């Protein structure tokens, strides 16, 4: 059932799920689309941090809480809710999709969000029932952050 997670704490997220998150392509859309991969520096992301005057960003979804597949209509409603919350809080964001290369799990509509702190990103992820988020610090190297 759980095990040692990133950051040295015990996690309720199973190893196979964590491995899938580490392998996922986090696709960012917008004017110049690119893909984030855990642990790999990203020049496009670094440039966007400068554009948005942000020292960090987070890749967050509201889909499939706790890695349980929801009906696509419910996932869409959750995605819209997240977009409204981000807009209301004044965080700039770009559409994206988290997609594992195996295609065994449906891609999850997501956002790359700028201007928030790591703690704010964690809180958003927890609010939407996520096991993890992707945090991108000042070095623009995506990092998997487990939330439970």
C-alpha atoms as a PDB file:
ATOM      1  CA  UNK A   1       0.000   0.000   0.000  1.00  0.00           C
ATOM      2  CA  UNK A   2       2.156   3.109   0.432  1.00  0.00           C
ATOM      3  CA  UNK A   3       5.848   3.516   0.709  1.00  0.00           C
ATOM      4  CA  UNK A   4       8.635   6.002   1.003  1.00  0.00           C
ATOM      5  CA  UNK A   5       7.847   8.902  -1.297  1.00  0.00           C
ATOM      6  CA  UNK A   6       9.670  11.881  -2.763  1.00  0.00           C
ATOM      7  CA  UNK A   7      10.758  14.197  -0.012  1.00  0.00           C
ATOM      8  CA  UNK A   8      11.400  11.325   2.416  1.00  0.00           C
ATOM      9  CA  UNK A   9       7.892  11.009   3.843  1.00  0.00           C
ATOM     10  CA  UNK A  10       5.592   8.013   3.815  1.00  0.00           C
ATOM     11  CA  UNK A  11       3.038   8.178   1.049  1.00  0.00           C
ATOM     12  CA  UNK A  12      -0.305   6.530   0.412  1.00  0.00           C
ATOM     13  CA  UNK A  13       0.420   6.507  -3.323  1.00  0.00           C
ATOM     14  CA  UNK A  14       1.547   3.116  -4.623  1.00  0.00           C
ATOM     15  CA  UNK A  15       4.880   2.680  -6.389  1.00  0.00           C
ATOM     16  CA  UNK A  16       3.343   1.880  -9.815  1.00  0.00           C
ATOM     17  CA  UNK A  17       1.315   5.100  -9.753  1.00  0.00           C
ATOM     18  CA  UNK A  18       4.355   7.159  -8.763  1.00  0.00           C
ATOM     19  CA  UNK A  19       6.347   5.521 -11.564  1.00  0.00           C
ATOM     20  CA  UNK A  20       3.597   6.403 -14.049  1.00  0.00           C
ATOM     21  CA  UNK A  21       3.689  10.043 -12.908  1.00  0.00           C
ATOM     22  CA  UNK A  22       7.467  10.088 -13.372  1.00  0.00           C
ATOM     23  CA  UNK A  23       7.099   8.760 -16.950  1.00  0.00           C
ATOM     24  CA  UNK A  24       4.207  11.034 -17.983  1.00  0.00           C
ATOM     25  CA  UNK A  25       4.584  13.717 -20.649  1.00  0.00           C
ATOM     26  CA  UNK A  26       3.213  17.005 -19.316  1.00  0.00           C
ATOM     27  CA  UNK A  27       2.258  18.781 -22.533  1.00  0.00           C
ATOM     28  CA  UNK A  28       1.947  22.571 -22.468  1.00  0.00           C
ATOM     29  CA  UNK A  29      -0.025  24.292 -25.222  1.00  0.00           C
ATOM     30  CA  UNK A  30      -0.146  27.995 -26.061  1.00  0.00           C
ATOM     31  CA  UNK A  31       1.851  29.911 -28.670  1.00  0.00           C
ATOM     32  CA  UNK A  32       4.904  27.620 -28.536  1.00  0.00           C
ATOM     33  CA  UNK A  33       3.868  24.143 -27.331  1.00  0.00           C
ATOM     34  CA  UNK A  34       6.393  22.008 -25.453  1.00  0.00           C
ATOM     35  CA  UNK A  35       6.539  19.023 -23.104  1.00  0.00           C
ATOM     36  CA  UNK A  36       7.691  18.871 -19.503  1.00  0.00           C
ATOM     37  CA  UNK A  37       9.328  15.707 -18.182  1.00  0.00           C
ATOM     38  CA  UNK A  38      10.209  15.121 -14.547  1.00  0.00           C
ATOM     39  CA  UNK A  39      13.853  15.860 -13.790  1.00  0.00           C
ATOM     40  CA  UNK A  40      14.685  17.393 -17.188  1.00  0.00           C
ATOM     41  CA  UNK A  41      15.461  21.103 -17.449  1.00  0.00           C
ATOM     42  CA  UNK A  42      13.218  22.897 -19.920  1.00  0.00           C
ATOM     43  CA  UNK A  43      14.400  26.029 -21.762  1.00  0.00           C
ATOM     44  CA  UNK A  44      10.866  26.860 -22.958  1.00  0.00           C
ATOM     45  CA  UNK A  45       9.619  26.773 -19.371  1.00  0.00           C
ATOM     46  CA  UNK A  46      12.490  28.985 -18.224  1.00  0.00           C
ATOM     47  CA  UNK A  47      11.552  31.513 -20.908  1.00  0.00           C
ATOM     48  CA  UNK A  48       7.904  31.472 -19.780  1.00  0.00           C
ATOM     49  CA  UNK A  49       8.971  32.056 -16.173  1.00  0.00           C
ATOM     50  CA  UNK A  50      10.700  35.220 -17.401  1.00  0.00           C
ATOM     51  CA  UNK A  51       7.697  36.236 -19.518  1.00  0.00           C
ATOM     52  CA  UNK A  52       5.354  35.888 -16.537  1.00  0.00           C
ATOM     53  CA  UNK A  53       7.912  37.360 -14.061  1.00  0.00           C
ATOM     54  CA  UNK A  54       7.553  34.175 -12.035  1.00  0.00           C
ATOM     55  CA  UNK A  55      10.164  32.258 -10.071  1.00  0.00           C
ATOM     56  CA  UNK A  56       8.104  29.079 -10.333  1.00  0.00           C
ATOM     57  CA  UNK A  57       5.094  27.357 -11.793  1.00  0.00           C
ATOM     58  CA  UNK A  58       2.985  24.263 -11.256  1.00  0.00           C
ATOM     59  CA  UNK A  59       1.362  21.774 -13.617  1.00  0.00           C
ATOM     60  CA  UNK A  60      -1.983  20.904 -12.018  1.00  0.00           C
ATOM     61  CA  UNK A  61      -5.080  18.932 -12.974  1.00  0.00           C
ATOM     62  CA  UNK A  62      -8.469  18.542 -11.344  1.00  0.00           C
ATOM     63  CA  UNK A  63      -9.203  15.280 -13.212  1.00  0.00           C
ATOM     64  CA  UNK A  64      -9.554  11.791 -11.763  1.00  0.00           C
ATOM     65  CA  UNK A  65      -9.079  12.529  -8.048  1.00  0.00           C
ATOM     66  CA  UNK A  66      -6.836  10.036  -6.233  1.00  0.00           C
ATOM     67  CA  UNK A  67      -6.191   8.349  -9.620  1.00  0.00           C
ATOM     68  CA  UNK A  68      -9.735   7.005  -9.895  1.00  0.00           C
ATOM     69  CA  UNK A  69     -11.231   7.429 -13.369  1.00  0.00           C
ATOM     70  CA  UNK A  70     -14.222   9.742 -13.441  1.00  0.00           C
ATOM     71  CA  UNK A  71     -16.802  10.192 -16.150  1.00  0.00           C
ATOM     72  CA  UNK A  72     -15.420  12.612 -18.794  1.00  0.00           C
ATOM     73  CA  UNK A  73     -18.287  15.049 -18.115  1.00  0.00           C
ATOM     74  CA  UNK A  74     -17.364  15.214 -14.414  1.00  0.00           C
ATOM     75  CA  UNK A  75     -13.693  15.708 -15.273  1.00  0.00           C
ATOM     76  CA  UNK A  76     -14.646  18.566 -17.617  1.00  0.00           C
ATOM     77  CA  UNK A  77     -16.724  20.220 -14.861  1.00  0.00           C
ATOM     78  CA  UNK A  78     -13.777  19.913 -12.447  1.00  0.00           C
ATOM     79  CA  UNK A  79     -11.419  21.386 -15.075  1.00  0.00           C
ATOM     80  CA  UNK A  80     -13.722  24.383 -15.567  1.00  0.00           C
ATOM     81  CA  UNK A  81     -13.937  24.843 -11.793  1.00  0.00           C
ATOM     82  CA  UNK A  82     -10.136  24.881 -11.523  1.00  0.00           C
ATOM     83  CA  UNK A  83      -9.893  27.409 -14.385  1.00  0.00           C
ATOM     84  CA  UNK A  84     -12.404  29.687 -12.656  1.00  0.00           C
ATOM     85  CA  UNK A  85     -10.540  29.446  -9.359  1.00  0.00           C
ATOM     86  CA  UNK A  86      -7.188  30.246 -10.995  1.00  0.00           C
ATOM     87  CA  UNK A  87      -8.690  33.232 -12.822  1.00  0.00           C
ATOM     88  CA  UNK A  88     -10.415  34.515  -9.673  1.00  0.00           C
ATOM     89  CA  UNK A  89      -7.115  34.337  -7.784  1.00  0.00           C
ATOM     90  CA  UNK A  90      -5.301  36.171 -10.588  1.00  0.00           C
ATOM     91  CA  UNK A  91      -2.890  33.374 -11.535  1.00  0.00           C
ATOM     92  CA  UNK A  92      -1.947  33.326 -15.228  1.00  0.00           C
ATOM     93  CA  UNK A  93      -2.144  29.843 -16.737  1.00  0.00           C
ATOM     94  CA  UNK A  94      -1.757  27.911 -19.987  1.00  0.00           C
ATOM     95  CA  UNK A  95      -3.736  24.828 -21.026  1.00  0.00           C
ATOM     96  CA  UNK A  96      -2.017  21.479 -21.063  1.00  0.00           C
ATOM     97  CA  UNK A  97      -2.501  17.720 -20.860  1.00  0.00           C
ATOM     98  CA  UNK A  98      -0.789  15.104 -18.744  1.00  0.00           C
ATOM     99  CA  UNK A  99      -0.450  11.955 -20.843  1.00  0.00           C
ATOM    100  CA  UNK A 100       1.459   8.745 -20.182  1.00  0.00           C
ATOM    101  CA  UNK A 101       3.274   7.467 -23.311  1.00  0.00           C
ATOM    102  CA  UNK A 102       1.617   4.026 -23.006  1.00  0.00           C
ATOM    103  CA  UNK A 103      -1.830   5.551 -23.733  1.00  0.00           C
ATOM    104  CA  UNK A 104      -3.347   3.144 -21.179  1.00  0.00           C
ATOM    105  CA  UNK A 105      -4.711   6.050 -19.106  1.00  0.00           C
ATOM    106  CA  UNK A 106      -6.671   8.875 -20.734  1.00  0.00           C
ATOM    107  CA  UNK A 107      -4.868  12.215 -20.979  1.00  0.00           C
ATOM    108  CA  UNK A 108      -5.853  14.634 -18.238  1.00  0.00           C
ATOM    109  CA  UNK A 109      -6.690  18.248 -19.044  1.00  0.00           C
ATOM    110  CA  UNK A 110      -4.383  20.391 -16.929  1.00  0.00           C
ATOM    111  CA  UNK A 111      -2.945  23.865 -16.497  1.00  0.00           C
ATOM    112  CA  UNK A 112       0.566  25.230 -16.209  1.00  0.00           C
ATOM    113  CA  UNK A 113       0.070  27.924 -13.565  1.00  0.00           C
ATOM    114  CA  UNK A 114       2.414  30.856 -12.892  1.00  0.00           C
ATOM    115  CA  UNK A 115       2.891  33.144  -9.917  1.00  0.00           C
ATOM    116  CA  UNK A 116       1.919  30.784  -7.120  1.00  0.00           C
ATOM    117  CA  UNK A 117       4.111  29.466  -4.334  1.00  0.00           C
ATOM    118  CA  UNK A 118       4.840  25.784  -3.839  1.00  0.00           C
ATOM    119  CA  UNK A 119       2.515  25.778  -0.813  1.00  0.00           C
ATOM    120  CA  UNK A 120      -0.308  27.367  -2.848  1.00  0.00           C
ATOM    121  CA  UNK A 121       0.252  24.732  -5.562  1.00  0.00           C
ATOM    122  CA  UNK A 122       0.115  21.940  -2.976  1.00  0.00           C
ATOM    123  CA  UNK A 123      -3.094  23.375  -1.514  1.00  0.00           C
ATOM    124  CA  UNK A 124      -4.725  23.530  -4.963  1.00  0.00           C
ATOM    125  CA  UNK A 125      -3.721  19.964  -5.738  1.00  0.00           C
ATOM    126  CA  UNK A 126      -5.077  18.734  -2.407  1.00  0.00           C
ATOM    127  CA  UNK A 127      -8.306  20.722  -2.865  1.00  0.00           C
ATOM    128  CA  UNK A 128      -8.901  18.872  -6.151  1.00  0.00           C
ATOM    129  CA  UNK A 129      -8.050  15.471  -4.658  1.00  0.00           C
ATOM    130  CA  UNK A 130      -4.756  14.948  -6.453  1.00  0.00           C
ATOM    131  CA  UNK A 131      -2.034  12.511  -5.407  1.00  0.00           C
ATOM    132  CA  UNK A 132       0.666  14.793  -6.787  1.00  0.00           C
ATOM    133  CA  UNK A 133       1.475  17.947  -8.710  1.00  0.00           C
ATOM    134  CA  UNK A 134       4.436  18.917 -10.863  1.00  0.00           C
ATOM    135  CA  UNK A 135       6.396  21.834  -9.407  1.00  0.00           C
ATOM    136  CA  UNK A 136       8.799  23.859 -11.524  1.00  0.00           C
ATOM    137  CA  UNK A 137      11.149  25.996  -9.473  1.00  0.00           C
ATOM    138  CA  UNK A 138      13.448  28.791 -10.595  1.00  0.00           C
ATOM    139  CA  UNK A 139      15.747  26.292 -12.365  1.00  0.00           C
ATOM    140  CA  UNK A 140      12.847  25.140 -14.620  1.00  0.00           C
ATOM    141  CA  UNK A 141      13.400  21.467 -13.760  1.00  0.00           C
ATOM    142  CA  UNK A 142      10.006  19.763 -13.237  1.00  0.00           C
ATOM    143  CA  UNK A 143       9.737  17.930  -9.921  1.00  0.00           C
ATOM    144  CA  UNK A 144       7.049  15.485  -8.797  1.00  0.00           C
ATOM    145  CA  UNK A 145       5.549  16.615  -5.482  1.00  0.00           C
ATOM    146  CA  UNK A 146       3.485  13.949  -3.715  1.00  0.00           C
ATOM    147  CA  UNK A 147       0.538  15.284  -1.736  1.00  0.00           C
ATOM    148  CA  UNK A 148      -0.505  12.246   0.294  1.00  0.00           C
END
